Protein backbone atom coordinates (compact mmCIF):
# COMPACT_ATOMS: atom_id res chain seq x y z
CA ASP A 1 -19.48 4.46 11.50
CA LEU A 2 -16.99 5.95 9.11
CA ILE A 3 -14.22 3.69 7.88
CA THR A 4 -10.85 5.41 7.79
CA THR A 5 -8.08 4.20 5.50
CA SER A 6 -4.45 5.10 6.09
CA MET A 7 -2.29 6.01 3.12
CA THR A 8 1.46 5.61 2.81
CA TYR A 9 3.51 7.73 0.41
CA LEU A 10 6.87 6.61 -0.95
CA TRP A 11 9.29 9.44 -1.57
CA PRO A 12 11.56 9.07 -4.63
CA PHE A 13 15.02 7.68 -3.96
CA SER A 14 17.84 10.20 -3.74
CA LYS A 15 21.13 9.61 -5.56
CA GLU A 16 22.72 8.40 -2.34
CA GLN A 17 19.84 5.99 -1.68
CA MET A 18 20.07 4.61 -5.21
CA ASN A 19 23.80 3.98 -4.83
CA GLY A 20 23.22 2.31 -1.47
CA TYR A 21 20.52 0.10 -2.98
CA ILE A 22 22.79 -0.93 -5.87
CA ASP A 23 25.40 -1.99 -3.30
CA LYS A 24 22.79 -4.10 -1.45
CA PHE A 25 21.46 -5.54 -4.70
CA VAL A 26 24.89 -6.79 -5.81
CA LYS A 27 25.36 -8.59 -2.48
CA MET A 28 21.80 -9.92 -2.54
CA ASN A 29 22.14 -11.13 -6.13
CA LYS A 30 25.22 -13.20 -5.30
CA LYS A 31 23.26 -14.85 -2.51
CA ASN A 32 19.82 -15.31 -4.14
CA LYS A 33 20.85 -15.46 -7.84
CA MET A 34 18.18 -13.10 -9.18
CA ASN A 35 19.99 -13.09 -12.54
CA ASP A 36 22.87 -15.01 -14.10
CA ASN A 37 25.34 -12.12 -13.90
CA LEU A 38 26.69 -12.86 -10.44
CA ASP A 39 30.09 -11.45 -11.35
CA TRP A 40 28.76 -7.93 -12.03
CA THR A 41 30.26 -5.34 -9.67
CA ILE A 42 28.73 -2.15 -8.28
CA GLN A 43 30.90 -0.15 -10.68
CA GLN A 44 29.72 -2.22 -13.63
CA TYR A 45 26.06 -1.56 -12.79
CA GLU A 46 26.68 2.17 -12.33
CA GLU A 47 28.64 2.50 -15.59
CA THR A 48 25.98 0.60 -17.53
CA LEU A 49 23.20 2.76 -16.04
CA ASN A 50 25.09 5.87 -17.15
CA ASN A 51 24.88 4.57 -20.73
CA PHE A 52 21.08 4.75 -20.54
CA PRO A 53 20.33 8.24 -19.08
CA ASN A 54 16.54 7.96 -19.43
CA LEU A 55 16.53 5.23 -16.77
CA ASN A 56 17.65 7.72 -14.11
CA LYS A 57 14.14 9.07 -13.48
CA MET A 58 12.65 5.57 -13.30
CA MET A 59 15.31 4.54 -10.82
CA GLU A 60 13.90 6.98 -8.28
CA GLU A 61 11.03 4.51 -7.79
CA PRO A 62 12.16 1.71 -5.41
CA PHE A 63 10.14 -1.00 -7.16
CA LEU A 64 11.37 -0.02 -10.62
CA LEU A 65 14.97 0.27 -9.42
CA ARG A 66 14.93 -3.35 -8.28
CA MET A 67 13.42 -4.42 -11.60
CA ILE A 68 15.89 -2.38 -13.68
CA LEU A 69 18.89 -3.82 -11.84
CA THR A 70 17.54 -7.35 -12.30
CA VAL A 71 17.26 -7.05 -16.09
CA LEU A 72 20.03 -4.54 -16.78
CA PRO A 73 22.53 -7.12 -18.14
CA SER A 74 19.97 -8.42 -20.64
CA LEU A 75 18.85 -4.88 -21.58
CA MET A 76 22.45 -4.01 -22.37
CA LYS A 77 22.61 -6.90 -24.85
CA GLN A 78 19.31 -5.97 -26.52
CA HIS A 79 19.70 -2.19 -26.87
CA PRO A 80 22.59 -0.01 -28.11
CA ILE A 81 24.15 2.56 -25.74
CA GLY A 82 22.00 5.67 -25.40
CA THR A 83 18.74 3.96 -26.36
CA LYS A 84 15.65 5.38 -24.65
CA ILE A 85 14.20 2.38 -22.87
CA SER A 86 10.53 2.57 -21.83
CA LYS A 87 8.84 1.12 -18.75
CA ALA A 88 7.00 -1.32 -21.01
CA GLN A 89 10.35 -2.67 -22.28
CA ILE A 90 11.60 -3.08 -18.71
CA TYR A 91 8.45 -4.99 -17.69
CA GLU A 92 8.72 -7.15 -20.81
CA ALA A 93 12.39 -7.97 -20.16
CA PHE A 94 11.63 -8.73 -16.50
CA ASN A 95 8.74 -11.06 -17.36
CA GLU A 96 10.84 -12.80 -20.02
CA GLN A 97 13.69 -13.40 -17.59
CA TRP A 98 11.32 -14.42 -14.81
CA ILE A 99 9.64 -17.08 -16.96
CA ASP A 100 13.01 -18.33 -18.25
CA ILE A 101 14.15 -18.94 -14.65
CA HIS A 102 11.01 -20.96 -13.85
CA VAL A 103 11.26 -22.93 -17.10
CA LYS A 104 14.89 -23.78 -16.35
CA ASN A 105 14.01 -24.95 -12.82
CA ILE A 106 11.16 -27.16 -14.05
CA VAL A 107 13.23 -28.67 -16.88
CA ASN A 108 15.98 -29.50 -14.36
CA LYS A 109 13.47 -31.14 -11.99
CA LEU A 110 11.95 -33.17 -14.82
CA SER A 111 15.43 -34.22 -15.98
CA GLU A 112 16.08 -35.64 -12.51
CA LEU A 113 12.99 -37.80 -13.08
CA ARG A 114 14.35 -38.73 -16.54
CA ILE A 115 11.51 -36.90 -18.25
CA GLN A 116 12.52 -35.14 -21.44
CA ILE A 117 10.50 -32.10 -22.47
CA SER A 118 11.07 -29.13 -24.77
CA PRO A 119 11.86 -25.92 -22.83
CA LYS A 120 10.31 -23.91 -25.67
CA LYS A 121 6.98 -25.72 -25.26
CA ILE A 122 6.97 -25.10 -21.49
CA LYS A 123 7.82 -21.43 -22.04
CA LEU A 124 5.02 -20.99 -24.58
CA ALA A 125 2.59 -22.69 -22.16
CA PHE A 126 3.70 -20.37 -19.33
CA GLN A 127 3.39 -17.26 -21.47
CA GLN A 128 -0.09 -18.20 -22.66
CA TYR A 129 -1.15 -19.11 -19.12
CA CYS A 130 0.09 -15.79 -17.71
CA GLN A 131 -1.54 -13.76 -20.46
CA ASN A 132 -4.89 -15.49 -20.02
CA LEU A 133 -4.84 -15.33 -16.22
CA GLY A 134 -3.61 -11.73 -16.23
CA PHE A 135 -6.44 -10.73 -18.57
CA GLU A 136 -9.05 -12.46 -16.39
CA MET A 137 -7.64 -10.82 -13.25
CA PHE A 138 -7.86 -7.44 -14.98
CA MET A 139 -11.44 -8.08 -16.09
CA GLN A 140 -12.41 -9.20 -12.56
CA GLY A 141 -10.61 -6.28 -10.93
CA ASN A 142 -8.38 -8.62 -8.88
CA GLN A 143 -4.70 -8.12 -8.08
CA VAL A 144 -4.40 -11.50 -6.35
CA ALA A 145 -5.72 -14.77 -7.76
CA THR A 146 -7.15 -16.87 -4.91
CA GLU A 147 -7.40 -20.63 -5.18
CA ASN A 148 -9.69 -20.66 -2.13
CA ASP A 149 -12.44 -19.00 -4.18
CA TYR A 150 -12.55 -22.01 -6.45
CA LYS A 151 -12.41 -24.53 -3.56
CA VAL A 152 -15.28 -22.82 -1.70
CA TYR A 153 -17.27 -22.83 -4.92
CA GLU A 154 -16.74 -26.59 -5.33
CA LYS A 155 -17.82 -27.21 -1.72
CA ASP A 156 -20.99 -25.17 -2.20
CA LYS A 157 -21.85 -27.20 -5.29
CA ILE A 158 -21.72 -30.46 -3.31
CA TRP A 159 -24.23 -29.20 -0.73
CA LYS A 160 -26.55 -27.60 -3.22
CA THR A 161 -30.08 -29.04 -2.99
CA LYS A 162 -31.84 -30.76 -5.86
CA SER A 163 -34.49 -28.07 -6.05
CA GLU A 164 -31.82 -25.39 -6.43
CA ASP A 165 -30.21 -27.38 -9.22
CA GLU A 166 -33.53 -27.68 -11.01
CA LYS A 167 -34.20 -23.96 -10.72
CA LEU A 168 -30.75 -23.18 -12.04
CA GLU A 169 -31.22 -25.58 -14.96
CA ILE A 170 -34.55 -23.97 -15.89
CA LYS A 171 -33.06 -20.49 -15.65
CA GLU A 172 -30.12 -21.47 -17.85
CA ASN A 173 -32.40 -23.04 -20.44
CA GLN A 174 -34.41 -19.82 -20.64
CA SER A 175 -31.34 -17.76 -21.47
CA ASN A 176 -29.27 -18.17 -24.60
CA THR A 177 -26.41 -16.07 -23.23
CA THR A 178 -24.69 -17.02 -20.00
CA VAL A 179 -22.10 -14.99 -18.17
CA PRO A 180 -19.52 -17.21 -16.42
CA LYS A 181 -19.34 -16.85 -12.65
CA LYS A 182 -16.16 -15.53 -11.10
CA GLN A 183 -15.39 -18.94 -9.59
CA ASP A 184 -15.99 -20.64 -12.95
CA ILE A 185 -13.31 -18.41 -14.49
CA TRP A 186 -10.70 -19.48 -11.92
CA TYR A 187 -11.59 -23.16 -12.47
CA GLN A 188 -9.35 -23.47 -15.53
CA TYR A 189 -6.38 -21.97 -13.67
CA PHE A 190 -6.61 -23.82 -10.34
CA ASN A 191 -8.20 -27.14 -11.29
CA GLY A 192 -5.53 -29.66 -10.34
CA ASP A 193 -1.85 -29.01 -9.83
CA SER A 194 -1.06 -27.45 -13.18
CA ILE A 195 2.68 -26.94 -13.69
CA ALA A 196 1.91 -23.51 -15.10
CA LYS A 197 0.52 -22.41 -11.73
CA TYR A 198 3.99 -22.43 -10.25
CA VAL A 199 5.13 -19.54 -12.44
CA LEU A 200 3.13 -17.34 -10.06
CA ARG A 201 4.58 -15.92 -6.86
CA LYS A 202 2.90 -17.35 -3.77
CA VAL A 203 1.77 -14.54 -1.46
CA GLY A 204 -0.21 -16.55 1.08
CA ASP A 205 -2.16 -19.72 1.73
CA ASN A 206 -3.34 -20.78 -1.73
CA LYS A 207 -2.90 -17.20 -2.97
CA TYR A 208 -0.78 -16.29 -5.99
CA GLN A 209 0.28 -13.07 -7.66
CA PHE A 210 2.18 -12.06 -10.77
């Protein structure tokens, strides 16, 4: 039997749709605090966007529009008016702000427990964790990192027979080069409740995504 896959196409936002989304974003930001600039008005966003004309084309993409609006206040501080800002710079600013928010939340929680820790050290740990995990996900061709893969792997190891272990040991001894299994790779990221794991966005039961 042939397997059919449906495809959905997203048309670019029109000018009216972009303006409507900016209006919704301002209201949503005041409620959910997606950045620290809760006092920014619709007019302020629109005027600032006009100072960076090359963002107009990117703003036609719904996902990028949300990202641009989230980091626009910080972009304004980093780049002079009229600067051509690339997608890579937007992603970088978004990731930087995203990690800063998580670091701030964790530091506040630890302070409640009277635990003092350097925010810079936590941020560096997060950044290194994300880079390493992101690289492994790219190498494995995965868009979602699944903790269940590691748990199933651990369960299988418990029930493995002695003869299978012996065969595996012999096979490993015969080879000087070993390629880590997919589950072995996730071990270092999901072994225990690492604080760094919570920088990821939970998308399901034991499933996380950047």
